[in-house]
Amino acid sequence: MKTLGYYNGKFGELDEMSIPMNDRVCWFGDGVYDAGLSRNYKIFALNEHIDRLFNSAGLLDIKVPVTKAELADLLQEMVNKMDTGNLFVYYQVTRGTGMRNHVFPEGKANLWIMLKPAEIADGTKPIKLITAEDTRFFHCNIKTLNLIPSVMASEKAKRAGAEECVFYRPGKRVTECAHSNCHIIKDGKLITAPTDNLILPGIVRAHLIKACKKLEIPVSETPYTLDEMFDADEVLVTSSSKLCMYANELDGKPVGGKAPELLEKIRKEIMDEFMTATN
């Protein structure tokens, strides 16, 4: 199959799938999601992504209608049905189905899955970034479906000819990007925002930290500012769909480019891990 969807036991090409109007996602965006890459029919870091989905669901009192093992098996079964094994694998759980009402409905949560072809970028080409004030709520550690601020920021980036938008809070504290985590390298050290309630604990962020520790590169999980980002030796962007990218422009001004050898060591370590895991 070229694309594949799943909804509560029903399978089909994405353009053939439908959902009930009373699914809570339609009224409130009431749900959580996770996603990652598959290569050669092998889903990268699957258990880590599933753990994060269940954690997000638990924080919102949503009971996932399958076990972790059942979800992993179902995702792999669907991947195996595809024409290509290089895929974006997306799954979400919504609170359930019922007449519009702010209080929770009775019954089980709904499980959605979406697969589409995707090729991973190797991270060797620089990207451009812009900035925007972070006006999201204070539960960014939960991977919810309420993504309007990120949607607006992503469109703003596109219109500016950039690939991502960096969010900042009062005091110009950098949190993350519209759909990625961001990090800086300064004086041989990786600096990344702490996993508090202002950022999503990215799976690839965790792999980035692991890669740096393996390479004996110091890591500091501390807040940093836009001024520090502009002054950084390198600026990195990581996500489950792009893995490890680096930026050379922020709000039209040049950034990074001062530690290319260190940057390449990190990029290569992350890509090698991904390639080995999906061979």
Protein backbone atom coordinates (compact mmCIF):
# COMPACT_ATOMS: atom_id res chain seq x y z
CA MET A 1 0.00 0.00 0.00
CA LYS A 2 1.15 3.55 -0.69
CA THR A 3 -0.46 5.00 2.45
CA LEU A 4 -2.28 3.27 5.26
CA GLY A 5 -4.67 4.38 7.97
CA TYR A 6 -6.19 2.69 10.99
CA TYR A 7 -9.13 3.69 13.20
CA ASN A 8 -10.41 1.42 15.96
CA GLY A 9 -9.82 -1.79 14.02
CA LYS A 10 -10.54 -0.50 10.51
CA PHE A 11 -7.76 -0.29 7.89
CA GLY A 12 -7.60 1.52 4.57
CA GLU A 13 -5.81 3.98 2.31
CA LEU A 14 -5.77 7.37 4.01
CA ASP A 15 -8.13 9.02 1.52
CA GLU A 16 -10.65 6.22 2.16
CA MET A 17 -10.69 6.53 5.94
CA SER A 18 -13.34 8.42 7.93
CA ILE A 19 -14.08 9.12 11.59
CA PRO A 20 -17.26 9.88 13.56
CA MET A 21 -18.07 13.57 13.90
CA ASN A 22 -18.47 13.00 17.63
CA ASP A 23 -14.87 11.88 18.10
CA ARG A 24 -13.53 14.22 20.80
CA VAL A 25 -10.78 15.31 18.43
CA CYS A 26 -13.38 17.19 16.37
CA TRP A 27 -14.66 19.31 19.26
CA PHE A 28 -11.69 19.76 21.56
CA GLY A 29 -8.56 18.31 19.96
CA ASP A 30 -8.79 16.07 23.01
CA GLY A 31 -5.97 13.60 22.58
CA VAL A 32 -2.26 12.86 22.43
CA TYR A 33 0.02 11.58 19.72
CA ASP A 34 3.48 10.36 18.88
CA ALA A 35 5.40 9.63 15.71
CA GLY A 36 8.71 8.45 14.33
CA LEU A 37 10.54 7.10 11.33
CA SER A 38 10.73 3.67 9.79
CA ARG A 39 13.57 2.61 7.50
CA ASN A 40 13.85 -0.79 5.82
CA TYR A 41 10.57 -1.72 7.56
CA LYS A 42 12.16 -1.14 10.98
CA ILE A 43 10.68 1.54 13.25
CA PHE A 44 13.37 3.58 14.98
CA ALA A 45 13.26 3.94 18.79
CA LEU A 46 9.73 2.51 18.82
CA ASN A 47 9.58 1.59 22.50
CA GLU A 48 10.75 5.07 23.53
CA HIS A 49 8.02 6.69 21.44
CA ILE A 50 5.34 4.36 22.79
CA ASP A 51 6.46 5.06 26.36
CA ARG A 52 6.11 8.79 25.69
CA LEU A 53 2.63 8.32 24.19
CA PHE A 54 1.48 6.44 27.30
CA ASN A 55 3.04 9.08 29.54
CA SER A 56 1.25 11.88 27.67
CA ALA A 57 -2.03 9.97 27.84
CA GLY A 58 -1.60 9.34 31.57
CA LEU A 59 -1.00 13.02 32.28
CA LEU A 60 -4.37 13.78 30.65
CA ASP A 61 -6.19 10.84 32.26
CA ILE A 62 -6.70 9.11 28.89
CA LYS A 63 -6.61 5.32 28.97
CA VAL A 64 -4.94 3.95 25.85
CA PRO A 65 -7.19 1.15 24.51
CA VAL A 66 -4.28 -1.24 23.84
CA THR A 67 -1.18 -2.31 25.74
CA LYS A 68 2.27 -1.09 24.78
CA ALA A 69 3.11 -4.48 23.32
CA GLU A 70 -0.14 -4.61 21.31
CA LEU A 71 0.50 -1.16 19.89
CA ALA A 72 4.07 -2.07 18.91
CA ASP A 73 2.85 -5.23 17.17
CA LEU A 74 0.08 -3.35 15.35
CA LEU A 75 2.43 -0.64 14.11
CA GLN A 76 4.92 -3.20 12.83
CA GLU A 77 2.13 -5.18 11.17
CA MET A 78 1.02 -2.04 9.33
CA VAL A 79 4.55 -1.10 8.31
CA ASN A 80 4.96 -4.56 6.80
CA LYS A 81 1.94 -3.93 4.53
CA MET A 82 3.51 -0.88 2.86
CA ASP A 83 5.10 -0.68 -0.58
CA THR A 84 8.18 0.95 0.96
CA GLY A 85 9.75 0.49 4.37
CA ASN A 86 10.88 4.13 4.57
CA LEU A 87 7.96 5.75 6.34
CA PHE A 88 6.63 8.38 8.71
CA VAL A 89 4.73 6.41 11.36
CA TYR A 90 2.15 8.49 13.26
CA TYR A 91 -0.30 7.39 15.95
CA GLN A 92 -2.70 9.17 18.29
CA VAL A 93 -5.25 8.42 20.97
CA THR A 94 -8.33 10.60 21.43
CA ARG A 95 -10.42 10.54 24.58
CA GLY A 96 -13.41 8.84 22.99
CA THR A 97 -16.67 9.48 21.18
CA GLY A 98 -19.78 11.24 22.47
CA MET A 99 -22.03 14.27 22.17
CA ARG A 100 -20.16 17.54 22.60
CA ASN A 101 -19.65 18.08 26.30
CA HIS A 102 -16.64 19.39 28.17
CA VAL A 103 -16.70 16.57 30.72
CA PHE A 104 -15.31 13.19 29.71
CA PRO A 105 -17.54 10.77 27.75
CA GLU A 106 -18.13 7.18 28.77
CA GLY A 107 -16.46 4.41 26.81
CA LYS A 108 -13.04 3.65 25.36
CA ALA A 109 -10.53 6.00 23.82
CA ASN A 110 -10.03 5.93 20.05
CA LEU A 111 -6.81 4.78 18.39
CA TRP A 112 -5.66 6.31 15.10
CA ILE A 113 -2.62 5.34 13.02
CA MET A 114 -1.28 6.93 9.83
CA LEU A 115 1.59 5.75 7.62
CA LYS A 116 3.04 7.60 4.64
CA PRO A 117 6.32 7.37 2.70
CA ALA A 118 9.18 9.50 4.05
CA GLU A 119 12.91 9.77 3.42
CA ILE A 120 15.25 10.96 6.15
CA ALA A 121 17.49 13.97 5.56
CA ASP A 122 21.13 13.31 6.41
CA GLY A 123 21.56 16.68 8.12
CA THR A 124 24.47 17.83 5.98
CA LYS A 125 22.72 20.94 4.63
CA PRO A 126 22.09 23.96 6.88
CA ILE A 127 18.61 25.28 7.61
CA LYS A 128 17.24 28.75 8.32
CA LEU A 129 15.35 29.64 11.49
CA ILE A 130 13.14 32.49 12.63
CA THR A 131 11.89 33.32 16.13
CA ALA A 132 8.50 33.93 17.74
CA GLU A 133 7.27 34.52 21.27
CA ASP A 134 6.14 31.30 22.90
CA THR A 135 2.45 31.88 23.69
CA ARG A 136 1.57 28.23 24.23
CA PHE A 137 0.19 26.88 27.49
CA PHE A 138 2.27 25.48 30.36
CA HIS A 139 1.93 21.77 29.54
CA CYS A 140 4.31 21.54 26.59
CA ASN A 141 5.77 18.34 28.06
CA ILE A 142 2.52 16.60 27.04
CA LYS A 143 2.40 15.77 23.33
CA THR A 144 -1.19 16.92 22.81
CA LEU A 145 -3.10 17.53 19.59
CA ASN A 146 -3.54 21.25 20.46
CA LEU A 147 -0.96 22.56 18.01
CA ILE A 148 -2.43 25.83 16.70
CA PRO A 149 0.50 27.99 17.94
CA SER A 150 2.93 25.59 16.27
CA VAL A 151 0.88 25.58 13.08
CA MET A 152 0.89 29.39 12.94
CA ALA A 153 4.62 29.54 13.69
CA SER A 154 5.39 26.94 11.02
CA GLU A 155 3.47 28.92 8.42
CA LYS A 156 5.29 32.08 9.52
CA ALA A 157 8.60 30.28 9.00
CA LYS A 158 7.56 29.03 5.58
CA ARG A 159 6.58 32.54 4.43
CA ALA A 160 9.94 33.82 5.65
CA GLY A 161 11.80 31.17 3.66
CA ALA A 162 12.85 29.32 6.82
CA GLU A 163 12.49 25.70 7.88
CA GLU A 164 11.66 26.18 11.57
CA CYS A 165 10.56 28.73 14.17
CA VAL A 166 12.32 29.05 17.53
CA PHE A 167 10.03 29.81 20.48
CA TYR A 168 11.11 32.02 23.37
CA ARG A 169 9.48 32.93 26.69
CA PRO A 170 9.74 36.16 28.77
CA GLY A 171 13.37 37.06 29.34
CA LYS A 172 14.09 35.63 25.88
CA ARG A 173 14.50 32.13 27.29
CA VAL A 174 14.57 29.70 24.36
CA THR A 175 12.24 26.74 24.84
CA GLU A 176 11.99 24.73 21.60
CA CYS A 177 10.92 25.04 17.98
CA ALA A 178 7.43 24.72 16.48
CA HIS A 179 7.93 20.98 15.93
CA SER A 180 11.49 20.29 17.06
CA ASN A 181 13.88 20.65 19.97
CA CYS A 182 16.75 23.11 19.57
CA HIS A 183 20.18 23.22 21.18
CA ILE A 184 23.42 25.18 21.03
CA ILE A 185 27.10 24.37 21.20
CA LYS A 186 29.35 26.82 23.02
CA ASP A 187 33.01 26.35 23.96
CA GLY A 188 32.85 22.64 23.23
CA LYS A 189 29.72 22.04 25.32
CA LEU A 190 26.19 21.08 24.27
CA ILE A 191 23.57 23.26 25.97
CA THR A 192 19.94 22.16 25.80
CA ALA A 193 16.84 23.39 27.61
CA PRO A 194 15.82 21.26 30.62
CA THR A 195 12.85 18.94 30.29
CA ASP A 196 10.45 20.96 32.39
CA ASN A 197 6.85 21.73 31.44
CA LEU A 198 7.92 24.26 28.77
CA ILE A 199 9.34 21.76 26.28
CA LEU A 200 8.57 18.32 24.94
CA PRO A 201 11.14 15.72 26.04
CA GLY A 202 12.24 14.82 22.53
CA ILE A 203 13.27 11.25 21.76
CA VAL A 204 16.07 12.42 19.46
CA ARG A 205 17.03 15.02 22.07
CA ALA A 206 17.72 12.09 24.42
CA HIS A 207 19.74 10.36 21.69
CA LEU A 208 21.66 13.60 21.10
CA ILE A 209 22.64 13.75 24.76
CA LYS A 210 23.65 10.10 24.68
CA ALA A 211 25.75 10.70 21.56
CA CYS A 212 27.54 13.65 23.19
CA LYS A 213 28.31 11.64 26.31
CA LYS A 214 29.67 8.81 24.17
CA LEU A 215 31.89 11.34 22.36
CA GLU A 216 32.92 12.82 25.73
CA ILE A 217 31.31 16.18 24.90
CA PRO A 218 30.04 17.95 28.04
CA VAL A 219 26.26 18.44 28.26
CA SER A 220 24.42 21.14 30.20
CA GLU A 221 20.63 20.83 30.54
CA THR A 222 20.05 24.45 31.50
CA PRO A 223 17.95 27.34 30.13
CA TYR A 224 19.60 29.62 27.60
CA THR A 225 18.52 32.81 25.85
CA LEU A 226 18.13 34.09 22.31
CA ASP A 227 21.23 36.21 22.81
CA GLU A 228 23.18 33.07 23.66
CA MET A 229 21.76 31.35 20.59
CA PHE A 230 22.92 34.19 18.35
CA ASP A 231 26.36 33.96 19.98
CA ALA A 232 26.58 30.15 19.88
CA ASP A 233 29.33 28.28 18.09
CA GLU A 234 26.67 26.05 16.49
CA VAL A 235 22.86 25.78 16.55
CA LEU A 236 21.27 22.31 16.32
CA VAL A 237 17.67 21.25 15.69
CA THR A 238 16.50 17.70 16.41
CA SER A 239 13.21 15.88 15.86
CA SER A 240 11.84 12.42 15.25
CA SER A 241 11.20 13.22 11.58
CA LYS A 242 14.42 15.13 10.78
CA LEU A 243 16.84 13.68 13.37
CA CYS A 244 19.78 16.11 13.52
CA MET A 245 19.95 19.37 11.54
CA TYR A 246 22.00 22.52 12.02
CA ALA A 247 21.19 26.17 11.34
CA ASN A 248 23.25 28.90 9.72
CA GLU A 249 20.68 31.70 9.89
CA LEU A 250 18.37 33.04 12.62
CA ASP A 251 15.99 35.91 11.87
CA GLY A 252 18.05 36.73 8.78
CA LYS A 253 21.33 36.91 10.71
CA PRO A 254 24.17 34.37 10.42
CA VAL A 255 24.61 31.95 13.32
CA GLY A 256 26.93 29.07 14.06
CA GLY A 257 29.70 27.94 11.76
CA LYS A 258 32.36 28.16 14.49
CA ALA A 259 32.70 24.47 15.44
CA PRO A 260 32.09 22.49 12.23
CA GLU A 261 34.27 19.52 13.18
CA LEU A 262 32.49 19.03 16.50
CA LEU A 263 29.12 19.47 14.82
CA GLU A 264 30.00 16.82 12.23
CA LYS A 265 31.08 14.34 14.91
CA ILE A 266 27.69 14.71 16.62
CA ARG A 267 25.69 14.52 13.39
CA LYS A 268 27.57 11.44 12.24
CA GLU A 269 27.12 9.67 15.58
CA ILE A 270 23.34 10.19 15.51
CA MET A 271 22.98 9.17 11.87
CA ASP A 272 25.18 6.10 12.36
CA GLU A 273 22.98 5.01 15.28
CA PHE A 274 19.85 5.42 13.16
CA MET A 275 21.32 3.57 10.18
CA THR A 276 22.60 0.71 12.31
CA ALA A 277 19.27 0.33 14.13
CA THR A 278 17.31 0.25 10.86
CA ASN A 279 19.59 -1.93 8.70
